[in-house]
């Protein structure tokens, strides 16, 4: 799914680059992108704020010259499948989860991360699922902590960990009556209808930060 989506999205990002590069100098500055941002994303279900977009723009700027060439623009539109951007995102995420600033994330820090638990901080089932995810899929060296490499592997949509995590997420979201089983009607209502849409968590995560 990831590879097929990239085959579609990379040409689209290149075409978009040519549209955004209004003065045809083969680079895109922030002001060029800002002007057309709203029209480009008018049909998106989630419209990023200007601050969020500017942060993503800076993450994709590999050489730090405050402009994006075509390759950097493709990375800007597909951050999770671009190695250097994924590394930067993983580093920022690790720092965000790491409340005691020891450059590692404990299971407690992962399970009870406040910013990502605003809507479900008291949901014991989510806490249990997060703990299982930490121990069973992310902490690959079983040392009870997450380091930068483990965080990056966790986020990489081409990795087996990511696929398993998204499968569990889709199962949780699709099991509408919470009986830990999927009926045919639940599959039809959720998974099948999201396979080719932006509601699909795999497709969404390719473009979004965690």
Protein backbone atom coordinates (compact mmCIF):
# COMPACT_ATOMS: atom_id res chain seq x y z
CA UNK A 1 0.00 0.00 0.00
CA UNK A 2 2.79 2.43 0.89
CA UNK A 3 4.75 1.85 -2.33
CA UNK A 4 1.66 2.14 -4.53
CA UNK A 5 0.64 5.34 -2.78
CA UNK A 6 4.11 6.81 -3.30
CA UNK A 7 3.95 6.05 -7.02
CA UNK A 8 0.85 8.23 -7.14
CA UNK A 9 1.93 10.97 -4.75
CA UNK A 10 5.48 11.70 -5.98
CA UNK A 11 4.44 12.77 -9.50
CA UNK A 12 1.67 14.82 -7.91
CA UNK A 13 4.13 16.57 -5.61
CA UNK A 14 6.42 17.35 -8.55
CA UNK A 15 3.52 18.82 -10.50
CA UNK A 16 2.46 20.83 -7.46
CA UNK A 17 6.04 22.14 -7.12
CA UNK A 18 5.83 23.57 -10.64
CA UNK A 19 2.53 25.27 -9.76
CA UNK A 20 3.84 26.75 -6.52
CA UNK A 21 7.10 27.94 -8.12
CA UNK A 22 5.38 30.98 -9.54
CA UNK A 23 8.52 32.85 -10.65
CA UNK A 24 9.98 29.71 -12.30
CA UNK A 25 13.35 29.90 -10.52
CA UNK A 26 13.22 26.16 -9.67
CA UNK A 27 12.97 26.73 -5.95
CA UNK A 28 10.02 27.41 -3.66
CA UNK A 29 10.27 29.97 -0.88
CA UNK A 30 7.84 29.99 2.03
CA UNK A 31 5.95 33.05 0.78
CA UNK A 32 5.23 31.34 -2.56
CA UNK A 33 3.80 28.32 -0.79
CA UNK A 34 1.86 30.38 1.74
CA UNK A 35 0.04 32.27 -1.01
CA UNK A 36 -1.33 29.11 -2.63
CA UNK A 37 -1.60 26.95 0.50
CA UNK A 38 -5.31 27.45 1.09
CA UNK A 39 -6.33 26.71 -2.49
CA UNK A 40 -4.08 23.63 -2.63
CA UNK A 41 -5.63 22.16 0.49
CA UNK A 42 -9.20 23.37 0.21
CA UNK A 43 -10.53 19.80 0.01
CA UNK A 44 -8.39 18.37 2.81
CA UNK A 45 -10.26 17.06 5.83
CA UNK A 46 -7.52 18.40 8.06
CA UNK A 47 -6.17 21.81 7.13
CA UNK A 48 -2.87 22.57 8.81
CA UNK A 49 -2.37 25.92 10.42
CA UNK A 50 0.21 28.23 8.90
CA UNK A 51 2.49 27.58 11.86
CA UNK A 52 2.24 23.81 11.35
CA UNK A 53 2.91 24.13 7.63
CA UNK A 54 5.90 26.37 8.20
CA UNK A 55 7.36 23.85 10.62
CA UNK A 56 6.91 21.06 8.05
CA UNK A 57 8.51 23.32 5.44
CA UNK A 58 11.59 23.80 7.64
CA UNK A 59 11.83 20.07 8.36
CA UNK A 60 11.99 19.36 4.62
CA UNK A 61 14.69 22.00 4.04
CA UNK A 62 17.62 19.56 4.10
CA UNK A 63 20.45 22.06 3.61
CA UNK A 64 18.93 24.86 5.71
CA UNK A 65 18.89 27.52 2.98
CA UNK A 66 15.25 28.48 3.72
CA UNK A 67 14.02 27.36 0.29
CA UNK A 68 12.91 24.01 -1.14
CA UNK A 69 14.16 22.54 -4.38
CA UNK A 70 12.04 19.94 -6.12
CA UNK A 71 13.45 16.99 -4.17
CA UNK A 72 12.95 18.81 -0.87
CA UNK A 73 9.41 19.75 -1.92
CA UNK A 74 8.61 16.08 -2.58
CA UNK A 75 9.98 15.38 0.91
CA UNK A 76 7.80 18.18 2.28
CA UNK A 77 4.73 16.48 0.84
CA UNK A 78 5.85 12.95 1.83
CA UNK A 79 7.78 13.44 5.09
CA UNK A 80 7.40 9.97 6.55
CA UNK A 81 8.98 8.26 3.55
CA UNK A 82 11.98 10.61 3.32
CA UNK A 83 14.88 9.44 5.49
CA UNK A 84 16.26 12.78 6.68
CA UNK A 85 12.81 14.24 7.42
CA UNK A 86 11.75 11.05 9.21
CA UNK A 87 14.92 11.28 11.32
CA UNK A 88 14.08 14.88 12.28
CA UNK A 89 10.47 13.98 13.11
CA UNK A 90 11.59 11.01 15.21
CA UNK A 91 14.06 13.22 17.09
CA UNK A 92 11.39 15.84 17.81
CA UNK A 93 8.92 13.17 18.89
CA UNK A 94 11.44 11.51 21.17
CA UNK A 95 12.14 14.87 22.81
CA UNK A 96 8.40 15.52 23.21
CA UNK A 97 7.73 12.18 24.93
CA UNK A 98 10.92 12.37 27.00
CA UNK A 99 9.62 14.36 29.97
CA UNK A 100 12.67 13.74 32.17
CA UNK A 101 15.06 14.65 29.30
CA UNK A 102 17.32 11.60 29.57
CA UNK A 103 17.12 11.11 25.77
CA UNK A 104 15.08 7.93 26.27
CA UNK A 105 11.33 7.29 26.52
CA UNK A 106 10.10 5.02 29.28
CA UNK A 107 6.89 3.01 29.00
CA UNK A 108 5.18 5.35 31.46
CA UNK A 109 6.17 8.38 29.37
CA UNK A 110 4.86 6.67 26.24
CA UNK A 111 1.58 5.44 27.72
CA UNK A 112 0.69 8.65 29.55
CA UNK A 113 1.93 11.25 27.05
CA UNK A 114 -0.44 14.15 27.74
CA UNK A 115 -0.41 15.85 24.34
CA UNK A 116 -1.56 12.72 22.52
CA UNK A 117 -4.03 11.63 25.21
CA UNK A 118 -6.19 14.75 25.44
CA UNK A 119 -9.37 12.93 24.39
CA UNK A 120 -8.70 9.55 26.01
CA UNK A 121 -6.45 10.17 29.01
CA UNK A 122 -8.81 8.23 31.29
CA UNK A 123 -9.44 5.38 28.84
CA UNK A 124 -7.87 2.30 30.46
CA UNK A 125 -8.24 0.26 27.28
CA UNK A 126 -6.13 2.75 25.33
CA UNK A 127 -3.53 2.71 28.11
CA UNK A 128 -3.41 -1.09 27.93
CA UNK A 129 -3.09 -1.03 24.14
CA UNK A 130 -0.29 1.53 24.37
CA UNK A 131 1.58 -0.57 26.91
CA UNK A 132 1.22 -3.64 24.69
CA UNK A 133 2.40 -1.61 21.70
CA UNK A 134 5.43 -0.37 23.63
CA UNK A 135 6.49 -3.83 24.81
CA UNK A 136 5.46 -5.87 21.79
CA UNK A 137 6.32 -3.67 18.82
CA UNK A 138 8.46 -0.63 19.63
CA UNK A 139 10.95 -1.58 22.35
CA UNK A 140 12.76 -4.00 20.05
CA UNK A 141 15.81 -4.48 22.30
CA UNK A 142 13.67 -5.11 25.41
CA UNK A 143 15.51 -2.62 27.61
CA UNK A 144 12.26 -0.91 28.74
CA UNK A 145 13.16 2.34 26.96
CA UNK A 146 12.81 3.78 23.47
CA UNK A 147 15.82 5.36 21.79
CA UNK A 148 15.99 7.39 18.57
CA UNK A 149 16.45 4.37 16.30
CA UNK A 150 13.46 2.58 17.79
CA UNK A 151 11.34 5.72 17.45
CA UNK A 152 12.37 6.12 13.81
CA UNK A 153 11.66 2.45 13.06
CA UNK A 154 8.28 2.84 14.76
CA UNK A 155 7.34 5.77 12.52
CA UNK A 156 8.67 4.34 9.24
CA UNK A 157 5.60 3.37 7.14
CA UNK A 158 7.71 0.85 5.23
CA UNK A 159 8.66 -1.06 8.37
CA UNK A 160 6.90 -4.10 9.81
CA UNK A 161 6.34 -2.35 13.15
CA UNK A 162 4.39 0.45 11.52
CA UNK A 163 2.20 -1.97 9.57
CA UNK A 164 1.39 -3.99 12.69
CA UNK A 165 0.66 -0.84 14.67
CA UNK A 166 -1.70 0.45 11.99
CA UNK A 167 -3.40 -2.94 11.74
CA UNK A 168 -4.10 -2.79 15.48
CA UNK A 169 -5.32 0.79 15.13
CA UNK A 170 -7.66 -0.14 12.28
CA UNK A 171 -8.94 -3.11 14.26
CA UNK A 172 -9.66 -0.89 17.25
CA UNK A 173 -11.40 1.77 15.14
CA UNK A 174 -13.38 -0.77 13.09
CA UNK A 175 -14.61 -2.87 16.02
CA UNK A 176 -17.64 -0.67 16.56
CA UNK A 177 -19.30 -2.84 19.21
CA UNK A 178 -15.95 -3.53 20.96
CA UNK A 179 -16.39 -7.33 21.01
CA UNK A 180 -12.80 -7.80 19.77
CA UNK A 181 -14.11 -9.30 16.54
CA UNK A 182 -14.90 -7.80 13.13
CA UNK A 183 -18.23 -8.59 11.55
CA UNK A 184 -18.77 -8.32 7.80
CA UNK A 185 -20.82 -5.17 8.28
CA UNK A 186 -18.04 -3.55 10.35
CA UNK A 187 -15.49 -4.39 7.67
CA UNK A 188 -17.71 -2.90 4.98
CA UNK A 189 -18.42 0.26 6.99
CA UNK A 190 -14.85 1.06 7.93
CA UNK A 191 -11.95 -0.77 6.31
CA UNK A 192 -13.29 -1.21 2.78
CA UNK A 193 -14.53 2.36 2.50
CA UNK A 194 -11.21 3.80 3.70
CA UNK A 195 -8.80 1.79 1.53
CA UNK A 196 -8.38 4.52 -1.06
CA UNK A 197 -9.27 7.59 0.96
CA UNK A 198 -7.45 9.98 3.26
CA UNK A 199 -9.29 8.33 6.18
CA UNK A 200 -7.00 5.35 5.82
CA UNK A 201 -4.48 5.67 8.70
CA UNK A 202 -1.59 4.32 6.63
CA UNK A 203 -2.10 6.85 3.82
CA UNK A 204 -2.66 9.67 6.33
CA UNK A 205 0.48 8.84 8.29
CA UNK A 206 2.67 8.92 5.18
CA UNK A 207 1.99 12.65 4.99
CA UNK A 208 1.54 13.56 8.64
CA UNK A 209 3.75 13.70 11.68
CA UNK A 210 2.82 11.40 14.59
